[in-house]
Amino acid sequence: MDIGNRDFVELVKRTREKFGVSIDGAHDLIFADEEMRRLVARRINHDPECRKQALWDMQEKGNRSRFIKVEGKIRFRT
């Protein structure tokens, strides 16, 4: 299974509508699923647009970001 950029945007949109949450709230719900975390982590490290968004998140949120850079790869913060 793979997920494209447009698929992920649509998933966030539908999650927000269904649960009445913010974008960050939708991300929390989506990333609670280990399979989704694996798919997103792969895209972040292989798709330039996803990587750009993760780097922006790290820059803007600092220690509150979901992501951390380890040995040149972006990982989910544990």
N, C-alpha and C. Protein backbone atom coordinates (compact mmCIF):
# COMPACT_ATOMS: atom_id res chain seq x y z
N MET A 1 0.84 -1.18 0.00
CA MET A 1 0.00 0.00 0.00
C MET A 1 0.89 1.24 0.00
N ASP A 2 0.47 2.22 -0.75
CA ASP A 2 1.19 3.50 -0.79
C ASP A 2 0.15 4.60 -0.74
N ILE A 3 0.59 5.75 -0.33
CA ILE A 3 -0.31 6.90 -0.23
C ILE A 3 0.36 8.08 -0.91
N GLY A 4 -0.38 8.73 -1.79
CA GLY A 4 0.15 9.89 -2.49
C GLY A 4 -0.17 11.18 -1.75
N ASN A 5 0.44 12.27 -2.19
CA ASN A 5 0.23 13.56 -1.55
C ASN A 5 -1.25 13.96 -1.55
N ARG A 6 -1.90 13.81 -2.68
CA ARG A 6 -3.32 14.18 -2.76
C ARG A 6 -4.17 13.27 -1.89
N ASP A 7 -3.80 11.98 -1.82
CA ASP A 7 -4.52 11.04 -0.97
C ASP A 7 -4.44 11.47 0.50
N PHE A 8 -3.24 11.89 0.91
CA PHE A 8 -3.05 12.27 2.30
C PHE A 8 -3.82 13.56 2.61
N VAL A 9 -3.79 14.51 1.71
CA VAL A 9 -4.54 15.75 1.91
C VAL A 9 -6.03 15.43 2.06
N GLU A 10 -6.53 14.56 1.22
CA GLU A 10 -7.94 14.17 1.29
C GLU A 10 -8.25 13.44 2.59
N LEU A 11 -7.33 12.59 3.04
CA LEU A 11 -7.52 11.88 4.31
C LEU A 11 -7.60 12.87 5.47
N VAL A 12 -6.73 13.87 5.47
CA VAL A 12 -6.75 14.88 6.54
C VAL A 12 -8.07 15.64 6.49
N LYS A 13 -8.49 16.01 5.30
CA LYS A 13 -9.74 16.75 5.14
C LYS A 13 -10.93 15.95 5.67
N ARG A 14 -11.01 14.70 5.28
CA ARG A 14 -12.13 13.85 5.72
C ARG A 14 -12.08 13.59 7.22
N THR A 15 -10.88 13.42 7.75
CA THR A 15 -10.74 13.20 9.20
C THR A 15 -11.21 14.42 9.96
N ARG A 16 -10.84 15.60 9.48
CA ARG A 16 -11.28 16.85 10.13
C ARG A 16 -12.80 16.95 10.12
N GLU A 17 -13.41 16.65 8.98
CA GLU A 17 -14.86 16.74 8.87
C GLU A 17 -15.55 15.72 9.77
N LYS A 18 -15.06 14.51 9.76
CA LYS A 18 -15.71 13.44 10.52
C LYS A 18 -15.63 13.66 12.03
N PHE A 19 -14.46 14.12 12.51
CA PHE A 19 -14.25 14.23 13.95
C PHE A 19 -14.32 15.68 14.46
N GLY A 20 -14.47 16.64 13.56
CA GLY A 20 -14.56 18.03 13.97
C GLY A 20 -13.31 18.53 14.66
N VAL A 21 -12.15 18.18 14.10
CA VAL A 21 -10.87 18.54 14.72
C VAL A 21 -10.06 19.46 13.80
N SER A 22 -9.02 20.05 14.37
CA SER A 22 -8.10 20.90 13.62
C SER A 22 -7.20 20.03 12.72
N ILE A 23 -6.37 20.68 11.94
CA ILE A 23 -5.41 19.94 11.11
C ILE A 23 -4.48 19.12 12.01
N ASP A 24 -3.97 19.75 13.08
CA ASP A 24 -3.09 19.01 14.00
C ASP A 24 -3.84 17.86 14.66
N GLY A 25 -5.10 18.07 14.99
CA GLY A 25 -5.91 17.01 15.58
C GLY A 25 -6.11 15.85 14.61
N ALA A 26 -6.32 16.19 13.33
CA ALA A 26 -6.45 15.15 12.30
C ALA A 26 -5.15 14.37 12.17
N HIS A 27 -4.03 15.10 12.18
CA HIS A 27 -2.73 14.42 12.12
C HIS A 27 -2.55 13.48 13.32
N ASP A 28 -2.95 13.93 14.51
CA ASP A 28 -2.85 13.08 15.70
C ASP A 28 -3.62 11.78 15.51
N LEU A 29 -4.83 11.89 15.00
CA LEU A 29 -5.66 10.70 14.79
C LEU A 29 -5.06 9.78 13.72
N ILE A 30 -4.61 10.37 12.64
CA ILE A 30 -4.05 9.58 11.54
C ILE A 30 -2.75 8.90 11.97
N PHE A 31 -1.87 9.66 12.65
CA PHE A 31 -0.57 9.11 13.03
C PHE A 31 -0.65 8.17 14.23
N ALA A 32 -1.82 8.04 14.83
CA ALA A 32 -1.99 7.06 15.91
C ALA A 32 -1.92 5.63 15.34
N ASP A 33 -2.16 5.52 14.03
CA ASP A 33 -2.11 4.22 13.36
C ASP A 33 -0.67 3.93 12.90
N GLU A 34 -0.11 2.83 13.38
CA GLU A 34 1.29 2.49 13.09
C GLU A 34 1.56 2.31 11.59
N GLU A 35 0.60 1.75 10.87
CA GLU A 35 0.77 1.57 9.42
C GLU A 35 0.85 2.92 8.71
N MET A 36 0.01 3.86 9.11
CA MET A 36 0.06 5.19 8.51
C MET A 36 1.38 5.88 8.83
N ARG A 37 1.86 5.72 10.06
CA ARG A 37 3.15 6.32 10.42
C ARG A 37 4.26 5.77 9.53
N ARG A 38 4.23 4.47 9.28
CA ARG A 38 5.24 3.84 8.43
C ARG A 38 5.17 4.39 7.01
N LEU A 39 3.96 4.49 6.46
CA LEU A 39 3.78 5.00 5.10
C LEU A 39 4.22 6.45 4.99
N VAL A 40 3.85 7.26 5.97
CA VAL A 40 4.21 8.68 5.94
C VAL A 40 5.71 8.84 6.12
N ALA A 41 6.31 8.08 7.01
CA ALA A 41 7.76 8.17 7.22
C ALA A 41 8.51 7.85 5.92
N ARG A 42 8.04 6.86 5.20
CA ARG A 42 8.68 6.51 3.94
C ARG A 42 8.56 7.65 2.93
N ARG A 43 7.36 8.24 2.84
CA ARG A 43 7.16 9.34 1.90
C ARG A 43 8.01 10.55 2.26
N ILE A 44 8.10 10.84 3.55
CA ILE A 44 8.89 11.99 3.99
C ILE A 44 10.34 11.87 3.54
N ASN A 45 10.86 10.68 3.55
CA ASN A 45 12.26 10.48 3.19
C ASN A 45 12.48 10.18 1.71
N HIS A 46 11.40 10.07 0.93
CA HIS A 46 11.56 9.79 -0.50
C HIS A 46 10.88 10.80 -1.42
N ASP A 47 9.98 11.60 -0.90
CA ASP A 47 9.26 12.57 -1.71
C ASP A 47 9.67 13.98 -1.29
N PRO A 48 10.22 14.76 -2.23
CA PRO A 48 10.72 16.10 -1.88
C PRO A 48 9.67 17.01 -1.24
N GLU A 49 8.43 16.97 -1.72
CA GLU A 49 7.39 17.83 -1.16
C GLU A 49 7.05 17.42 0.28
N CYS A 50 6.98 16.13 0.53
CA CYS A 50 6.70 15.65 1.89
C CYS A 50 7.85 16.02 2.83
N ARG A 51 9.06 15.86 2.34
CA ARG A 51 10.24 16.21 3.15
C ARG A 51 10.23 17.70 3.49
N LYS A 52 9.89 18.52 2.50
CA LYS A 52 9.82 19.97 2.70
C LYS A 52 8.80 20.31 3.80
N GLN A 53 7.65 19.66 3.77
CA GLN A 53 6.62 19.92 4.78
C GLN A 53 7.07 19.47 6.17
N ALA A 54 7.74 18.33 6.25
CA ALA A 54 8.22 17.84 7.54
C ALA A 54 9.31 18.77 8.09
N LEU A 55 10.20 19.24 7.23
CA LEU A 55 11.25 20.17 7.66
C LEU A 55 10.63 21.49 8.13
N TRP A 56 9.60 21.97 7.44
CA TRP A 56 8.91 23.18 7.86
C TRP A 56 8.29 22.97 9.24
N ASP A 57 7.66 21.81 9.45
CA ASP A 57 7.05 21.50 10.74
C ASP A 57 8.11 21.52 11.85
N MET A 58 9.26 20.95 11.57
CA MET A 58 10.34 20.92 12.55
C MET A 58 10.83 22.33 12.87
N GLN A 59 10.95 23.15 11.85
CA GLN A 59 11.44 24.52 12.03
C GLN A 59 10.42 25.35 12.81
N GLU A 60 9.16 25.23 12.44
CA GLU A 60 8.12 26.05 13.07
C GLU A 60 7.79 25.61 14.49
N LYS A 61 7.79 24.32 14.74
CA LYS A 61 7.34 23.81 16.04
C LYS A 61 8.47 23.42 16.98
N GLY A 62 9.67 23.32 16.45
CA GLY A 62 10.81 22.96 17.30
C GLY A 62 10.59 21.64 18.03
N ASN A 63 10.73 21.65 19.34
CA ASN A 63 10.58 20.42 20.14
C ASN A 63 9.15 19.89 20.17
N ARG A 64 8.19 20.70 19.72
CA ARG A 64 6.80 20.24 19.67
C ARG A 64 6.48 19.51 18.35
N SER A 65 7.41 19.50 17.42
CA SER A 65 7.20 18.83 16.14
C SER A 65 7.08 17.33 16.34
N ARG A 66 6.31 16.70 15.47
CA ARG A 66 6.20 15.25 15.50
C ARG A 66 7.47 14.57 14.97
N PHE A 67 8.32 15.36 14.32
CA PHE A 67 9.46 14.82 13.61
C PHE A 67 10.78 15.24 14.23
N ILE A 68 11.79 14.42 13.96
CA ILE A 68 13.15 14.70 14.39
C ILE A 68 14.08 14.17 13.30
N LYS A 69 15.21 14.82 13.11
CA LYS A 69 16.17 14.38 12.12
C LYS A 69 17.23 13.53 12.81
N VAL A 70 17.42 12.31 12.30
CA VAL A 70 18.40 11.38 12.87
C VAL A 70 19.26 10.85 11.73
N GLU A 71 20.56 11.16 11.78
CA GLU A 71 21.51 10.69 10.76
C GLU A 71 21.02 10.98 9.34
N GLY A 72 20.50 12.19 9.14
CA GLY A 72 20.08 12.62 7.82
C GLY A 72 18.69 12.18 7.41
N LYS A 73 18.03 11.35 8.20
CA LYS A 73 16.68 10.89 7.91
C LYS A 73 15.71 11.56 8.87
N ILE A 74 14.51 11.82 8.40
CA ILE A 74 13.48 12.38 9.25
C ILE A 74 12.68 11.22 9.82
N ARG A 75 12.52 11.23 11.12
CA ARG A 75 11.80 10.16 11.83
C ARG A 75 10.69 10.78 12.67
N PHE A 76 9.71 9.95 13.01
CA PHE A 76 8.72 10.39 13.97
C PHE A 76 9.37 10.44 15.34
N ARG A 77 9.07 11.48 16.09
CA ARG A 77 9.55 11.61 17.46
C ARG A 77 8.84 10.52 18.29
N THR A 78 9.56 9.88 19.17
CA THR A 78 8.93 8.83 19.99
C THR A 78 8.52 9.36 21.33
